[in-house]
């Protein structure tokens, strides 16, 4: 993996290449670079997420949390052309490429930015994420507790996590935090978790 993909300004020398995201309903050619997550191929977890999640709401506001160069956000934007899609990340190099990939794909309903550049009052009907597990448990929990409370009533998040990186314990923790969570898919040691909005702040239903 080399340099941490969650560095704000990667120091790795630039080495541009392209990867293809081919799903039954879309084909995207994405430009990638060194210093970001999975630059040589679309990560298997991301692919499993995109192949198994239910269709997102056709309208509303959707979020790709930890967007990298954009495969999840661009899939959301393609599947929900009437929705407003946001991709957030800490990696500035990845964000620049995500914007370029959106332009190349002709998608004008998606925007990419740093987390602190997005309105904290914005609420999301769908959050899709291959979350950055390797930032550590506390940082991951803080990240999820920042964004999951921004789900709209009835909104859902879908997260893909490897079993050996703690998907089952994360599912239990999310339930304990008041976010009803269920496993909706399991493939190649990856788990796809569906997380519902809290019914009451800080409480499980």
Protein backbone atom coordinates (compact mmCIF):
# COMPACT_ATOMS: atom_id res chain seq x y z
CA UNK A 1 0.00 0.00 0.00
CA UNK A 2 3.00 2.29 0.52
CA UNK A 3 2.31 5.70 1.98
CA UNK A 4 -0.89 5.96 3.96
CA UNK A 5 -3.73 6.74 1.60
CA UNK A 6 -5.27 8.92 4.32
CA UNK A 7 -2.42 11.43 4.15
CA UNK A 8 -3.70 14.91 3.30
CA UNK A 9 -0.92 15.65 0.82
CA UNK A 10 0.71 12.41 -0.36
CA UNK A 11 4.45 12.61 -0.90
CA UNK A 12 4.62 9.61 -3.21
CA UNK A 13 5.81 10.51 -6.70
CA UNK A 14 2.91 10.82 -9.11
CA UNK A 15 2.35 7.82 -11.37
CA UNK A 16 -0.93 8.14 -13.22
CA UNK A 17 -2.80 5.12 -14.52
CA UNK A 18 -6.39 4.11 -15.25
CA UNK A 19 -8.65 1.41 -13.87
CA UNK A 20 -12.00 0.18 -15.13
CA UNK A 21 -15.09 -0.18 -12.98
CA UNK A 22 -17.44 -2.52 -14.81
CA UNK A 23 -20.81 -3.30 -13.23
CA UNK A 24 -23.99 -4.63 -14.83
CA UNK A 25 -25.38 -1.10 -15.12
CA UNK A 26 -22.29 1.00 -15.81
CA UNK A 27 -18.73 1.13 -17.07
CA UNK A 28 -16.45 3.84 -15.77
CA UNK A 29 -12.81 4.39 -16.71
CA UNK A 30 -11.17 6.09 -13.75
CA UNK A 31 -7.84 7.83 -13.53
CA UNK A 32 -5.79 7.05 -10.42
CA UNK A 33 -2.41 7.97 -9.02
CA UNK A 34 0.12 6.93 -6.40
CA UNK A 35 -0.49 7.93 -2.80
CA UNK A 36 -4.17 6.97 -2.69
CA UNK A 37 -6.24 3.93 -1.85
CA UNK A 38 -6.08 1.01 -4.32
CA UNK A 39 -4.63 2.87 -7.31
CA UNK A 40 -4.01 -0.26 -9.42
CA UNK A 41 -7.54 -1.69 -9.38
CA UNK A 42 -10.94 -1.04 -7.92
CA UNK A 43 -10.67 -2.52 -4.45
CA UNK A 44 -12.55 -5.84 -4.06
CA UNK A 45 -14.49 -4.50 -1.07
CA UNK A 46 -15.66 -1.52 -3.08
CA UNK A 47 -16.73 -3.79 -5.90
CA UNK A 48 -18.64 -6.09 -3.54
CA UNK A 49 -20.39 -3.08 -2.01
CA UNK A 50 -21.44 -1.76 -5.41
CA UNK A 51 -22.62 -5.19 -6.56
CA UNK A 52 -24.75 -5.94 -3.50
CA UNK A 53 -26.29 -2.72 -2.16
CA UNK A 54 -29.95 -1.96 -2.94
CA UNK A 55 -30.53 0.92 -5.37
CA UNK A 56 -30.06 4.30 -3.69
CA UNK A 57 -32.96 6.74 -3.41
CA UNK A 58 -33.60 8.34 -6.79
CA UNK A 59 -33.56 11.85 -5.31
CA UNK A 60 -32.17 13.55 -2.24
CA UNK A 61 -28.61 13.94 -1.00
CA UNK A 62 -26.12 11.08 -0.91
CA UNK A 63 -22.60 10.77 0.52
CA UNK A 64 -19.52 8.70 -0.25
CA UNK A 65 -17.48 8.78 2.95
CA UNK A 66 -13.78 8.33 2.15
CA UNK A 67 -14.30 8.67 -1.58
CA UNK A 68 -10.74 8.28 -2.88
CA UNK A 69 -10.68 8.78 -6.64
CA UNK A 70 -14.43 8.35 -6.78
CA UNK A 71 -15.73 4.88 -7.73
CA UNK A 72 -18.49 4.80 -5.12
CA UNK A 73 -19.57 8.44 -5.50
CA UNK A 74 -19.63 8.17 -9.29
CA UNK A 75 -21.72 5.01 -9.08
CA UNK A 76 -24.16 6.81 -6.79
CA UNK A 77 -24.30 9.74 -9.20
CA UNK A 78 -24.92 7.40 -12.15
CA UNK A 79 -27.62 5.39 -10.41
CA UNK A 80 -29.37 8.46 -8.97
CA UNK A 81 -29.02 11.18 -11.63
CA UNK A 82 -31.61 13.37 -9.89
CA UNK A 83 -29.82 13.22 -6.54
CA UNK A 84 -27.04 15.45 -5.23
CA UNK A 85 -23.97 13.36 -4.42
CA UNK A 86 -21.03 14.38 -2.26
CA UNK A 87 -17.67 12.66 -1.90
CA UNK A 88 -15.45 13.56 1.05
CA UNK A 89 -11.88 12.54 1.77
CA UNK A 90 -8.74 13.87 3.44
CA UNK A 91 -6.51 13.06 0.44
CA UNK A 92 -6.31 16.16 -1.76
CA UNK A 93 -4.68 14.33 -4.65
CA UNK A 94 -7.52 11.81 -4.68
CA UNK A 95 -10.15 14.55 -4.55
CA UNK A 96 -8.63 16.28 -7.58
CA UNK A 97 -8.74 13.05 -9.56
CA UNK A 98 -12.29 12.32 -8.43
CA UNK A 99 -13.37 15.68 -9.85
CA UNK A 100 -11.60 14.87 -13.13
CA UNK A 101 -13.22 11.44 -13.24
CA UNK A 102 -16.66 12.98 -12.73
CA UNK A 103 -16.03 15.40 -15.59
CA UNK A 104 -14.78 12.60 -17.86
CA UNK A 105 -17.91 10.56 -17.04
CA UNK A 106 -20.18 13.53 -17.80
CA UNK A 107 -21.61 13.55 -14.28
CA UNK A 108 -22.59 16.99 -13.03
CA UNK A 109 -24.56 15.93 -9.92
CA UNK A 110 -21.53 15.04 -7.80
CA UNK A 111 -19.06 17.20 -5.89
CA UNK A 112 -15.89 16.31 -4.02
CA UNK A 113 -14.37 18.15 -1.07
CA UNK A 114 -12.56 17.94 2.24
CA UNK A 115 -14.78 17.07 5.19
CA UNK A 116 -14.48 20.52 6.76
CA UNK A 117 -15.59 22.17 3.51
CA UNK A 118 -19.03 20.59 3.60
CA UNK A 119 -21.99 22.16 5.42
CA UNK A 120 -22.29 20.30 8.75
CA UNK A 121 -26.03 20.89 8.60
CA UNK A 122 -26.41 18.83 5.42
CA UNK A 123 -28.36 15.59 5.87
CA UNK A 124 -28.02 12.45 3.77
CA UNK A 125 -30.58 9.98 2.47
CA UNK A 126 -27.83 7.47 1.70
CA UNK A 127 -24.25 7.05 2.84
CA UNK A 128 -22.10 4.48 1.05
CA UNK A 129 -18.58 3.82 2.25
CA UNK A 130 -15.59 1.53 2.19
CA UNK A 131 -14.41 3.12 5.43
CA UNK A 132 -10.72 3.65 6.25
CA UNK A 133 -10.41 0.86 8.81
CA UNK A 134 -6.63 1.27 9.03
CA UNK A 135 -6.86 4.69 10.64
CA UNK A 136 -7.47 2.81 13.91
CA UNK A 137 -10.55 1.92 15.92
CA UNK A 138 -10.92 5.19 17.85
CA UNK A 139 -10.47 7.36 14.76
CA UNK A 140 -12.89 5.15 12.82
CA UNK A 141 -15.49 5.35 15.57
CA UNK A 142 -15.09 9.14 15.74
CA UNK A 143 -15.50 9.33 11.96
CA UNK A 144 -18.68 7.26 11.97
CA UNK A 145 -20.13 9.17 14.93
CA UNK A 146 -19.56 12.39 12.98
CA UNK A 147 -21.37 11.29 9.82
CA UNK A 148 -23.95 8.63 10.69
CA UNK A 149 -26.01 11.05 12.83
CA UNK A 150 -26.44 13.10 9.65
CA UNK A 151 -28.64 10.45 8.07
CA UNK A 152 -32.16 11.63 7.41
CA UNK A 153 -35.02 9.82 9.18
CA UNK A 154 -35.37 6.66 7.17
CA UNK A 155 -31.92 7.12 5.64
CA UNK A 156 -29.46 4.24 5.51
CA UNK A 157 -25.72 3.80 5.32
CA UNK A 158 -24.05 0.84 3.64
CA UNK A 159 -20.52 -0.02 4.74
CA UNK A 160 -18.20 -2.75 3.47
CA UNK A 161 -15.65 -4.13 5.94
CA UNK A 162 -13.38 -7.17 5.88
CA UNK A 163 -14.21 -9.81 8.46
CA UNK A 164 -10.62 -10.05 9.71
CA UNK A 165 -10.51 -6.25 10.10
CA UNK A 166 -13.41 -6.26 12.51
CA UNK A 167 -16.69 -6.23 10.59
CA UNK A 168 -18.54 -8.27 13.21
CA UNK A 169 -17.32 -6.20 16.16
CA UNK A 170 -18.13 -3.02 14.21
CA UNK A 171 -21.67 -4.27 13.65
CA UNK A 172 -22.09 -4.84 17.40
CA UNK A 173 -20.62 -1.44 18.20
CA UNK A 174 -22.95 0.34 15.78
CA UNK A 175 -25.96 -1.37 17.34
CA UNK A 176 -24.72 -0.33 20.78
CA UNK A 177 -24.50 3.29 19.57
CA UNK A 178 -28.17 3.24 18.61
CA UNK A 179 -27.76 2.61 14.88
CA UNK A 180 -29.71 -0.55 13.95
CA UNK A 181 -27.25 -2.53 11.84
CA UNK A 182 -27.63 -5.76 9.89
CA UNK A 183 -25.41 -7.73 7.56
CA UNK A 184 -26.95 -7.84 4.08
CA UNK A 185 -24.15 -9.56 2.16
CA UNK A 186 -21.07 -11.67 2.77
CA UNK A 187 -18.55 -12.51 0.08
CA UNK A 188 -14.81 -13.25 -0.03
CA UNK A 189 -14.37 -12.38 3.66
CA UNK A 190 -16.10 -9.03 3.20
CA UNK A 191 -19.27 -8.02 5.00
CA UNK A 192 -21.72 -5.40 3.77
CA UNK A 193 -23.50 -3.74 6.67
CA UNK A 194 -26.73 -1.78 6.38
CA UNK A 195 -26.97 0.90 9.06
CA UNK A 196 -30.25 2.67 9.78
CA UNK A 197 -30.58 6.14 11.23
CA UNK A 198 -31.06 6.44 14.95
CA UNK A 199 -34.71 6.48 15.92
CA UNK A 200 -33.86 8.59 18.96
CA UNK A 201 -30.63 10.43 19.56
CA UNK A 202 -28.22 8.08 21.27
CA UNK A 203 -30.70 5.23 21.71
CA UNK A 204 -31.46 2.02 19.90
CA UNK A 205 -35.11 1.45 19.05
